Amino acid sequence: MRKILLMGWIGLLRMFKDRSNWFFVFLMPVGIIVLVGVAFGGEGGPVSVGITGPEDMTSALVEEIDVSILDTSLYDDQASLEAAVAGGQVNAGVVIPEGVGEGLASGEQVEIGLLTPPEGSSPSVRTEVDRALGDIASERTIVATLIRERDLEEQAAQQALSAAQEVIDPSVVETRSLGEALFPPGLNQFYVGAAGMVVLFVFLTGLTGSAYLIQSRQLGVTTRVVSTPTSLPEIVIGEGTARWVIAFFQGVYIMVMTAVLFGVEWGDLLGGTVLLGLLAAVGGGAAMLVGSIFNNDQQTAGLTVMLSLGLGALGGCMFPLDLFPETMQTIAHFTPHAWALDGFNKLVYTGVGIGGILPELGVLAAIAVVLFGAASIVLSRKLVSGQ
């Protein structure tokens, strides 16, 4: 067992030794998750918006805005708001210039500044701010008209408007939602990208690890190990453990980082860990099979990347499976990626434990057994023949 664990540890160290892997393992997944999270930004709850400007207008705007759409916070000046938007503390910023209140009351066209990050902001920001300002403008226009036409004091005009609003029944719009929501209410906006990237990169990182197995055979390292007091099964299991450790590490990193940075919740810990472990086993088994069959690590590297991206796209890692036509959803489940995503979605969407994802775990386990079994046969034959 010690030799098997040592081979797994050496495989992980070899991955880190190649510094080009640092970008693909640590930075690239998080960057893609951020982009996908922004694209689905309206799905995860209120959008955070900072507001700065005259106190009377900022207070009125905050009171008028629907808190279920925008989560507002006040800033002392435009410079601090710009820094908050640039730093990602808020998704957008609203700058209210001096004199806007008087302009709204007189019916004049006013300009409001909207600060957004380079990738833009959710359309709900512009829509809700426009609506809130429209309501404020209507109320202030009515008050100004009462003061001018009825010669009322401002306080009396405000009281008259409030009394009228209590007497007049507002229009009621009844809305009905048809069909099922694509994402559950309150779902973290970064989960969609995070789940896809976990599945994609676990398989991709695991499969590209096949190059290390080929290099070991090319350099004669594996052959020399055979000549030591190490049995053939130990070598095969050790090499498989090395591929599994690399894939599992990649998945743990993405899940932990998204939980810490973006607040993504992954559901039941035991279920998620077992699901990730079996997914890593699928990636490790695929790497073992490819690394046992092929003899050129450079050609294999290109093949594994294309294969991983193709299966990831087909399996729903880059685009939610729920948006696929039914036929494509059926075809997608010929890939392990779709089954892994189904498992993660059940853990997060429905809150089930490990018992609720047994079908997904069973399919992934079966795929891993087949891949590792086939790889063991091929690699054993090559080691015996000295290849």
Protein backbone atom coordinates (compact mmCIF):
# COMPACT_ATOMS: atom_id res chain seq x y z
CA MET A 1 0.00 0.00 0.00
CA ARG A 2 2.86 2.37 0.80
CA LYS A 3 4.26 2.00 -2.71
CA ILE A 4 0.84 2.65 -4.25
CA LEU A 5 0.34 5.85 -2.23
CA LEU A 6 3.87 6.97 -3.05
CA MET A 7 3.21 6.58 -6.77
CA GLY A 8 0.04 8.65 -6.38
CA TRP A 9 1.96 11.40 -4.57
CA ILE A 10 4.70 11.41 -7.22
CA GLY A 11 2.05 11.82 -9.93
CA LEU A 12 0.70 14.93 -8.21
CA LEU A 13 4.20 16.39 -7.81
CA ARG A 14 4.94 15.83 -11.50
CA MET A 15 1.83 17.79 -12.41
CA PHE A 16 2.91 20.76 -10.28
CA LYS A 17 6.46 20.60 -11.62
CA ASP A 18 5.14 21.62 -15.05
CA ARG A 19 4.38 25.30 -14.43
CA SER A 20 2.19 25.56 -17.52
CA ASN A 21 -0.31 23.45 -15.58
CA TRP A 22 -0.66 26.14 -12.92
CA PHE A 23 -2.73 28.32 -15.24
CA PHE A 24 -5.02 25.53 -16.43
CA VAL A 25 -5.46 23.99 -12.97
CA PHE A 26 -5.78 27.11 -10.79
CA LEU A 27 -6.71 30.18 -12.87
CA MET A 28 -8.61 29.07 -15.95
CA PRO A 29 -11.49 27.27 -14.18
CA VAL A 30 -12.15 30.22 -11.85
CA GLY A 31 -12.05 32.68 -14.75
CA ILE A 32 -14.62 30.71 -16.74
CA ILE A 33 -16.84 30.37 -13.65
CA VAL A 34 -16.85 34.16 -13.24
CA LEU A 35 -17.85 34.68 -16.88
CA VAL A 36 -20.65 32.12 -16.71
CA GLY A 37 -21.79 33.55 -13.36
CA VAL A 38 -22.10 37.00 -14.88
CA ALA A 39 -24.05 35.57 -17.84
CA PHE A 40 -26.56 33.99 -15.43
CA GLY A 41 -26.40 36.93 -13.05
CA GLY A 42 -30.12 37.51 -12.93
CA GLU A 43 -30.95 34.00 -11.83
CA GLY A 44 -29.43 33.98 -8.36
CA GLY A 45 -31.44 36.68 -6.51
CA PRO A 46 -31.16 40.47 -6.14
CA VAL A 47 -28.40 42.25 -8.02
CA SER A 48 -26.20 44.41 -5.80
CA VAL A 49 -26.24 48.11 -6.74
CA GLY A 50 -24.47 51.07 -5.16
CA ILE A 51 -26.06 54.54 -5.17
CA THR A 52 -24.53 57.97 -4.61
CA GLY A 53 -25.96 61.48 -4.90
CA PRO A 54 -28.08 64.03 -2.98
CA GLU A 55 -29.43 62.54 0.24
CA ASP A 56 -33.10 63.21 -0.50
CA MET A 57 -32.94 61.53 -3.93
CA THR A 58 -30.86 58.53 -2.83
CA SER A 59 -33.22 57.89 0.09
CA ALA A 60 -36.28 58.17 -2.16
CA LEU A 61 -34.74 55.84 -4.74
CA VAL A 62 -33.80 53.23 -2.13
CA GLU A 63 -37.36 53.29 -0.73
CA GLU A 64 -38.89 52.93 -4.20
CA ILE A 65 -36.67 50.12 -5.52
CA ASP A 66 -37.98 46.56 -5.22
CA VAL A 67 -35.61 44.77 -2.82
CA SER A 68 -36.32 41.43 -4.49
CA ILE A 69 -34.73 42.78 -7.68
CA LEU A 70 -31.95 45.09 -6.51
CA ASP A 71 -29.94 45.02 -3.29
CA THR A 72 -29.00 48.66 -2.73
CA SER A 73 -26.21 50.26 -0.70
CA LEU A 74 -25.31 53.95 -0.35
CA TYR A 75 -21.89 55.49 -1.03
CA ASP A 76 -20.57 58.89 0.04
CA ASP A 77 -19.16 59.93 -3.32
CA GLN A 78 -18.71 58.84 -6.91
CA ALA A 79 -15.05 57.89 -6.45
CA SER A 80 -15.80 55.32 -3.75
CA LEU A 81 -18.68 53.93 -5.83
CA GLU A 82 -16.45 53.58 -8.89
CA ALA A 83 -13.90 51.69 -6.78
CA ALA A 84 -16.64 49.36 -5.49
CA VAL A 85 -17.86 48.58 -9.02
CA ALA A 86 -14.31 48.04 -10.31
CA GLY A 87 -13.49 45.81 -7.34
CA GLY A 88 -16.62 43.70 -7.69
CA GLN A 89 -18.22 44.73 -4.37
CA VAL A 90 -21.36 45.70 -6.30
CA ASN A 91 -22.62 44.67 -9.73
CA ALA A 92 -23.42 48.23 -10.82
CA GLY A 93 -23.51 51.82 -9.58
CA VAL A 94 -26.07 54.63 -9.93
CA VAL A 95 -24.82 58.22 -9.82
CA ILE A 96 -27.51 60.88 -9.17
CA PRO A 97 -26.31 64.43 -10.02
CA GLU A 98 -27.33 67.53 -8.11
CA GLY A 99 -30.63 69.09 -9.17
CA VAL A 100 -32.25 65.85 -10.36
CA GLY A 101 -35.06 66.15 -7.82
CA GLU A 102 -36.09 69.59 -9.12
CA GLY A 103 -35.83 68.37 -12.69
CA LEU A 104 -38.13 65.42 -12.02
CA ALA A 105 -40.66 67.68 -10.27
CA SER A 106 -40.77 70.06 -13.24
CA GLY A 107 -41.07 67.27 -15.79
CA GLU A 108 -37.68 67.93 -17.34
CA GLN A 109 -35.53 65.21 -18.86
CA VAL A 110 -32.78 64.27 -16.42
CA GLU A 111 -29.62 62.21 -16.81
CA ILE A 112 -28.59 59.54 -14.32
CA GLY A 113 -25.15 57.90 -14.44
CA LEU A 114 -24.93 54.10 -14.54
CA LEU A 115 -21.57 52.50 -13.71
CA THR A 116 -20.98 48.92 -14.86
CA PRO A 117 -17.98 46.54 -14.99
CA PRO A 118 -16.39 45.85 -18.41
CA GLU A 119 -18.56 42.75 -18.96
CA GLY A 120 -21.75 44.77 -18.36
CA SER A 121 -24.47 44.29 -15.77
CA SER A 122 -27.84 42.60 -15.53
CA PRO A 123 -30.62 44.28 -17.58
CA SER A 124 -32.70 44.30 -14.40
CA VAL A 125 -30.58 47.18 -13.05
CA ARG A 126 -31.52 49.62 -15.80
CA THR A 127 -35.14 48.47 -15.89
CA GLU A 128 -35.76 48.73 -12.14
CA VAL A 129 -33.95 52.06 -11.75
CA ASP A 130 -35.96 53.52 -14.65
CA ARG A 131 -39.22 52.32 -13.07
CA ALA A 132 -38.35 53.66 -9.63
CA LEU A 133 -37.32 57.04 -11.02
CA GLY A 134 -40.53 57.16 -13.06
CA ASP A 135 -42.62 56.65 -9.93
CA ILE A 136 -40.64 59.30 -8.05
CA ALA A 137 -41.04 61.71 -10.96
CA SER A 138 -44.82 61.18 -11.05
CA GLU A 139 -45.19 61.83 -7.33
CA ARG A 140 -42.99 64.93 -7.39
CA THR A 141 -44.81 66.29 -10.45
CA ILE A 142 -48.17 65.91 -8.67
CA VAL A 143 -46.84 67.63 -5.54
CA ALA A 144 -45.39 70.47 -7.62
CA THR A 145 -48.70 70.87 -9.45
CA LEU A 146 -50.67 71.04 -6.17
CA ILE A 147 -48.29 73.68 -4.83
CA ARG A 148 -48.55 75.73 -8.00
CA GLU A 149 -52.26 75.35 -8.86
CA ARG A 150 -53.79 75.03 -5.37
CA ASP A 151 -51.35 77.31 -3.58
CA LEU A 152 -50.61 74.62 -1.00
CA GLU A 153 -47.59 74.30 1.20
CA GLU A 154 -45.27 71.41 0.30
CA GLN A 155 -46.19 69.45 3.44
CA ALA A 156 -49.92 69.88 2.73
CA ALA A 157 -49.41 68.79 -0.87
CA GLN A 158 -47.55 65.69 0.31
CA GLN A 159 -50.38 64.85 2.72
CA ALA A 160 -52.97 65.31 -0.04
CA LEU A 161 -51.04 62.97 -2.32
CA SER A 162 -50.74 60.35 0.43
CA ALA A 163 -54.47 60.59 1.17
CA ALA A 164 -55.31 60.17 -2.50
CA GLN A 165 -53.04 57.13 -2.80
CA GLU A 166 -54.82 55.48 0.14
CA VAL A 167 -58.28 56.11 -1.35
CA ILE A 168 -57.54 55.12 -4.95
CA ASP A 169 -57.13 51.38 -5.47
CA PRO A 170 -53.99 50.75 -7.51
CA SER A 171 -54.13 48.58 -10.60
CA VAL A 172 -53.48 44.94 -9.82
CA VAL A 173 -51.63 42.81 -12.34
CA GLU A 174 -52.01 39.08 -11.86
CA THR A 175 -49.07 37.07 -13.12
CA ARG A 176 -48.78 33.34 -13.64
CA SER A 177 -45.65 31.34 -14.30
CA LEU A 178 -46.04 28.61 -16.87
CA GLY A 179 -43.78 25.57 -16.94
CA GLU A 180 -40.93 24.84 -14.58
CA ALA A 181 -38.25 27.31 -13.62
CA LEU A 182 -34.89 26.60 -15.22
CA PHE A 183 -33.10 27.30 -11.93
CA PRO A 184 -34.55 27.13 -8.40
CA PRO A 185 -35.22 30.44 -6.59
CA GLY A 186 -32.22 31.67 -4.64
CA LEU A 187 -29.70 29.53 -6.53
CA ASN A 188 -26.23 31.04 -6.41
CA GLN A 189 -25.55 32.57 -9.81
CA PHE A 190 -22.05 31.05 -9.94
CA TYR A 191 -23.21 27.48 -9.32
CA VAL A 192 -24.11 26.84 -12.97
CA GLY A 193 -20.59 27.61 -14.15
CA ALA A 194 -18.96 26.00 -11.12
CA ALA A 195 -20.70 22.64 -11.57
CA GLY A 196 -19.87 22.55 -15.27
CA MET A 197 -16.24 23.44 -14.68
CA VAL A 198 -15.82 20.84 -11.92
CA VAL A 199 -17.00 18.09 -14.25
CA LEU A 200 -15.14 19.43 -17.29
CA PHE A 201 -11.78 20.03 -15.60
CA VAL A 202 -11.79 16.90 -13.44
CA PHE A 203 -12.12 14.81 -16.58
CA LEU A 204 -9.78 17.05 -18.60
CA THR A 205 -7.04 17.15 -15.95
CA GLY A 206 -7.37 13.45 -15.31
CA LEU A 207 -7.26 12.52 -18.99
CA THR A 208 -4.30 14.75 -19.82
CA GLY A 209 -2.45 12.90 -17.06
CA SER A 210 -2.11 10.06 -19.57
CA ALA A 211 0.93 11.91 -20.94
CA TYR A 212 2.84 11.27 -17.69
CA LEU A 213 2.20 7.54 -17.99
CA ILE A 214 3.48 7.54 -21.57
CA GLN A 215 6.58 9.53 -20.55
CA SER A 216 7.32 7.04 -17.76
CA ARG A 217 7.19 4.20 -20.27
CA GLN A 218 9.29 6.12 -22.83
CA LEU A 219 11.99 6.92 -20.25
CA GLY A 220 12.04 3.32 -19.02
CA VAL A 221 10.95 4.30 -15.52
CA THR A 222 8.06 1.85 -15.49
CA THR A 223 10.25 -0.93 -16.85
CA ARG A 224 12.83 -0.37 -14.10
CA VAL A 225 10.09 -0.47 -11.48
CA VAL A 226 9.08 -3.89 -12.81
CA SER A 227 12.58 -5.16 -12.05
CA THR A 228 12.24 -4.12 -8.39
CA PRO A 229 10.42 -6.10 -5.70
CA THR A 230 7.16 -4.51 -6.84
CA SER A 231 4.41 -6.71 -8.20
CA LEU A 232 2.67 -5.98 -11.49
CA PRO A 233 -0.70 -5.34 -9.81
CA GLU A 234 0.97 -2.81 -7.48
CA ILE A 235 2.38 -0.93 -10.47
CA VAL A 236 -0.94 -0.87 -12.29
CA ILE A 237 -2.87 0.21 -9.20
CA GLY A 238 -0.18 2.77 -8.32
CA GLU A 239 -0.29 4.36 -11.76
CA GLY A 240 -4.09 4.41 -11.60
CA THR A 241 -3.93 6.03 -8.16
CA ALA A 242 -1.64 8.74 -9.53
CA ARG A 243 -4.14 9.58 -12.27
CA TRP A 244 -7.02 9.56 -9.74
CA VAL A 245 -5.20 11.82 -7.27
CA ILE A 246 -4.56 14.44 -9.97
CA ALA A 247 -8.22 14.49 -11.09
CA PHE A 248 -9.58 14.48 -7.54
CA PHE A 249 -7.29 17.34 -6.50
CA GLN A 250 -8.57 19.43 -9.40
CA GLY A 251 -12.19 18.91 -8.36
CA VAL A 252 -11.57 19.64 -4.68
CA TYR A 253 -9.76 22.86 -5.58
CA ILE A 254 -12.61 24.18 -7.74
CA MET A 255 -15.30 23.25 -5.20
CA VAL A 256 -13.43 24.82 -2.28
CA MET A 257 -12.50 27.98 -4.19
CA THR A 258 -16.03 28.59 -5.46
CA ALA A 259 -17.43 28.04 -1.98
CA VAL A 260 -14.96 30.53 -0.46
CA LEU A 261 -14.94 33.17 -3.20
CA PHE A 262 -18.52 33.03 -4.49
CA GLY A 263 -20.48 31.36 -1.71
CA VAL A 264 -21.46 28.36 -3.84
CA GLU A 265 -23.10 25.61 -1.77
CA TRP A 266 -22.54 22.04 -2.95
CA GLY A 267 -25.20 20.27 -0.92
CA ASP A 268 -24.58 17.10 1.06
CA LEU A 269 -20.86 16.80 1.84
CA LEU A 270 -20.73 13.00 1.75
CA GLY A 271 -22.71 12.77 -1.47
CA GLY A 272 -20.59 15.45 -3.15
CA THR A 273 -17.33 13.83 -2.05
CA VAL A 274 -18.31 10.36 -3.29
CA LEU A 275 -19.64 11.80 -6.54
CA LEU A 276 -16.41 13.73 -7.09
CA GLY A 277 -14.33 10.67 -6.23
CA LEU A 278 -16.12 8.51 -8.80
CA LEU A 279 -15.90 11.25 -11.42
CA ALA A 280 -12.15 11.46 -10.77
CA ALA A 281 -12.01 7.67 -11.13
CA VAL A 282 -13.63 7.96 -14.56
CA GLY A 283 -11.08 10.58 -15.60
CA GLY A 284 -8.23 8.54 -14.14
CA GLY A 285 -9.44 5.36 -15.81
CA ALA A 286 -9.68 7.12 -19.18
CA ALA A 287 -6.14 8.46 -18.69
CA MET A 288 -4.85 4.97 -17.86
CA LEU A 289 -6.45 3.49 -20.96
CA VAL A 290 -5.19 6.23 -23.29
CA GLY A 291 -1.73 6.21 -21.70
CA SER A 292 -1.52 2.44 -22.08
CA ILE A 293 -2.61 2.35 -25.72
CA PHE A 294 -0.62 5.24 -27.19
CA ASN A 295 3.16 5.73 -27.22
CA ASN A 296 3.56 9.41 -28.23
CA ASP A 297 2.82 11.83 -25.39
CA GLN A 298 2.71 14.96 -27.59
CA GLN A 299 0.14 13.56 -30.00
CA THR A 300 -1.83 12.14 -27.10
CA ALA A 301 -1.93 15.56 -25.36
CA GLY A 302 -3.75 17.15 -28.30
CA LEU A 303 -6.10 14.19 -28.64
CA THR A 304 -7.05 14.19 -24.96
CA VAL A 305 -7.78 17.93 -24.91
CA MET A 306 -10.06 17.69 -27.95
CA LEU A 307 -11.76 14.59 -26.58
CA SER A 308 -12.31 16.19 -23.16
CA LEU A 309 -13.72 19.44 -24.57
CA GLY A 310 -15.95 17.58 -27.02
CA LEU A 311 -17.38 15.27 -24.37
CA GLY A 312 -17.72 18.22 -21.96
CA ALA A 313 -19.72 20.25 -24.47
CA LEU A 314 -21.93 17.27 -25.33
CA GLY A 315 -22.39 16.42 -21.65
CA GLY A 316 -23.65 19.87 -20.66
CA CYS A 317 -20.56 21.38 -19.03
CA MET A 318 -20.59 24.48 -21.21
CA PHE A 319 -24.34 24.91 -21.63
CA PRO A 320 -27.05 23.74 -19.19
CA LEU A 321 -28.53 20.38 -20.18
CA ASP A 322 -32.03 21.70 -19.44
CA LEU A 323 -31.72 23.95 -22.49
CA PHE A 324 -30.91 21.00 -24.78
CA PRO A 325 -33.66 19.40 -26.91
CA GLU A 326 -34.90 16.08 -25.52
CA THR A 327 -33.02 14.10 -28.16
CA MET A 328 -29.76 15.85 -27.32
CA GLN A 329 -30.35 15.29 -23.61
CA THR A 330 -30.65 11.57 -24.29
CA ILE A 331 -27.45 11.57 -26.37
CA ALA A 332 -25.68 13.61 -23.66
CA HIS A 333 -26.23 10.80 -21.16
CA PHE A 334 -23.91 8.59 -23.17
CA THR A 335 -21.17 10.69 -21.54
CA PRO A 336 -20.14 10.47 -17.86
CA HIS A 337 -20.30 14.27 -17.71
CA ALA A 338 -24.09 14.38 -17.93
CA TRP A 339 -24.49 11.82 -15.14
CA ALA A 340 -22.07 13.71 -12.91
CA LEU A 341 -23.93 16.99 -13.54
CA ASP A 342 -27.25 15.29 -12.77
CA GLY A 343 -25.78 14.18 -9.46
CA PHE A 344 -24.49 17.62 -8.49
CA ASN A 345 -27.78 19.25 -9.54
CA LYS A 346 -29.79 16.86 -7.39
CA LEU A 347 -27.58 17.58 -4.38
CA VAL A 348 -27.93 21.33 -4.83
CA TYR A 349 -31.42 21.77 -6.32
CA THR A 350 -33.35 19.28 -4.19
CA GLY A 351 -31.09 18.97 -1.15
CA VAL A 352 -30.99 15.16 -1.26
CA GLY A 353 -28.20 13.16 0.37
CA ILE A 354 -26.07 10.40 -1.06
CA GLY A 355 -29.11 8.11 -1.23
CA GLY A 356 -30.77 10.42 -3.74
CA ILE A 357 -27.96 10.14 -6.29
CA LEU A 358 -27.39 6.38 -6.26
CA PRO A 359 -28.27 5.97 -9.99
CA GLU A 360 -25.68 8.58 -10.95
CA LEU A 361 -23.08 7.04 -8.64
CA GLY A 362 -23.80 3.59 -10.06
CA VAL A 363 -23.32 4.71 -13.66
CA LEU A 364 -20.06 6.52 -12.90
CA ALA A 365 -18.76 3.55 -10.91
CA ALA A 366 -19.57 1.18 -13.78
CA ILE A 367 -17.79 3.41 -16.30
CA ALA A 368 -14.74 3.69 -14.03
CA VAL A 369 -14.56 -0.09 -13.53
CA VAL A 370 -14.72 -0.71 -17.29
CA LEU A 371 -12.04 1.89 -18.05
CA PHE A 372 -9.66 0.77 -15.30
CA GLY A 373 -10.24 -2.90 -16.17
CA ALA A 374 -9.43 -2.38 -19.84
CA ALA A 375 -6.43 -0.18 -18.99
CA SER A 376 -5.07 -2.76 -16.54
CA ILE A 377 -5.15 -5.48 -19.19
CA VAL A 378 -3.44 -3.34 -21.84
CA LEU A 379 -0.80 -1.89 -19.47
CA SER A 380 0.00 -5.29 -17.93
CA ARG A 381 0.63 -6.79 -21.35
CA LYS A 382 2.92 -3.92 -22.32
CA LEU A 383 4.86 -4.10 -19.08
CA VAL A 384 5.36 -7.83 -19.48
CA SER A 385 6.61 -7.32 -23.03
CA GLY A 386 8.87 -4.47 -21.87
CA GLN A 387 7.15 -1.72 -23.89
